[in-house]
């Protein structure tokens, strides 16, 4: 099965632009929006359904409920148990995947054209008739708890968990999709059923389709097989509270014994994905730490050899994104690397990038963007993501134009207005005791706290 799907993916990439029809954006009879990109070179269709929301809407104390609910969709329906459902999907030569992002949940699969109708019938059954068996709820909770335990063993993942918690303290964005062992333990089948009823509605879904199918047929099939989606309220992003900015520079050392390498993350909350200045910040970030020849990489790796890589990133979220600098230096150079990166970040904001740096990054973004929408499924993914993040409907089509139109002064001005080198959090997964005093001695560090890596 995996070989078949891999082969289908390779064939999809091989499809020629000449065989591709124009985009179609339309609504079903129920008002559900659909984005379709036709590609008739190969007899395959990729189907994805996305529901706005995500872990930010987990009730307090029930973190992980969104991910649990989405996974439970594949554990049985009113007509079939888990094994029977899996067998029905397998018989069509495909798989059906669930996914949980920070701003949405998804259900997706790739299927041969001749099996599209029975596949959509199964998708409709999964979405409109889930049974949420009690025993399966407990199994999925145990699987998620095991994944959480495994995450602590991976230093990079552990650093990301702590960073999110510290950048969004006490905020709905502050937990990862899996929640915590404590919150998972208290989740019930009733919680799952209530969460499903709230978010899996016509008002909350967007459908993405790419492949060998025409609009008229796709509309008829979706109208038929998604007719059972219930009505309800759309996810209310205005109900998510604003994010509190950090004060001063505070460092948390996540203590893990016998580390030869440190996972280092520096950052703070940033502008939401739909902010018009996001284009300028993305361009600036590419110049500062987004390529192998960017300034941050040059200072940390090329000149000093303290870390294999050093990067900057603007994280996209609905209410407030985040800005990060990252590196993985040897424990021996951890304090020096942190000091250098903090100084480079301050210089990046206060003094600005050179015109040459901005122009190089502009060329890189403009030339590389085409590769992110090269295949029909990639283009659909980008278009759907823009809608889910609240970006303009023309975001994908005008991205290159907007990047080209930015002046160097506009880029530097956006950096000064949105980024902050003085009020941020630092997470270091490391062997903490030998580093504590060295980190505390760095100019501008207001406090250093040690936390055990096993702490939730």
Foldseek 3Di string as FASTA:
>chain_A
DVVVVVVVVVVLLVQDPVQKDDWDWDAFPVRAIEIETEGAPFQKKKKKKKFWDAQLPQPVLQGLLVVLLQVLLQQAFPVGGNVVLQVQQVVQVKDWDWATDRTIIMIIMMGGNVCVLVVLLSVLRSLQTGDLDQVVSVVVLVVLQVVVVVLLVDQQSLLVLVQLCVQFPPFSSNGDNSGHNSSSVPDGSVSSVVVSLATQASQGMHMYMYYHDDPVVVSVSCCVRNVSGHHHDGDDPVPGDAGDWFAFEAEEEAADPPAQKKKKKKKHWWAAPADPCPLLQVLLQCQQFVDCPHPLNCVCPVPPNFFPGWGWDWAHAQRITMIIIITMGTPVCVLVSVLVVLVSLVCCQPVHDDPVSSVVSLVVCLVCLCVQPVGPVSVSVVQVVCVSSVYDNCCSVCSNVSSVPDDRVSSNVSSNVIGDSTGIYMYMHYNPPVCQVSNVPRPRHPYYHYHHSPDD
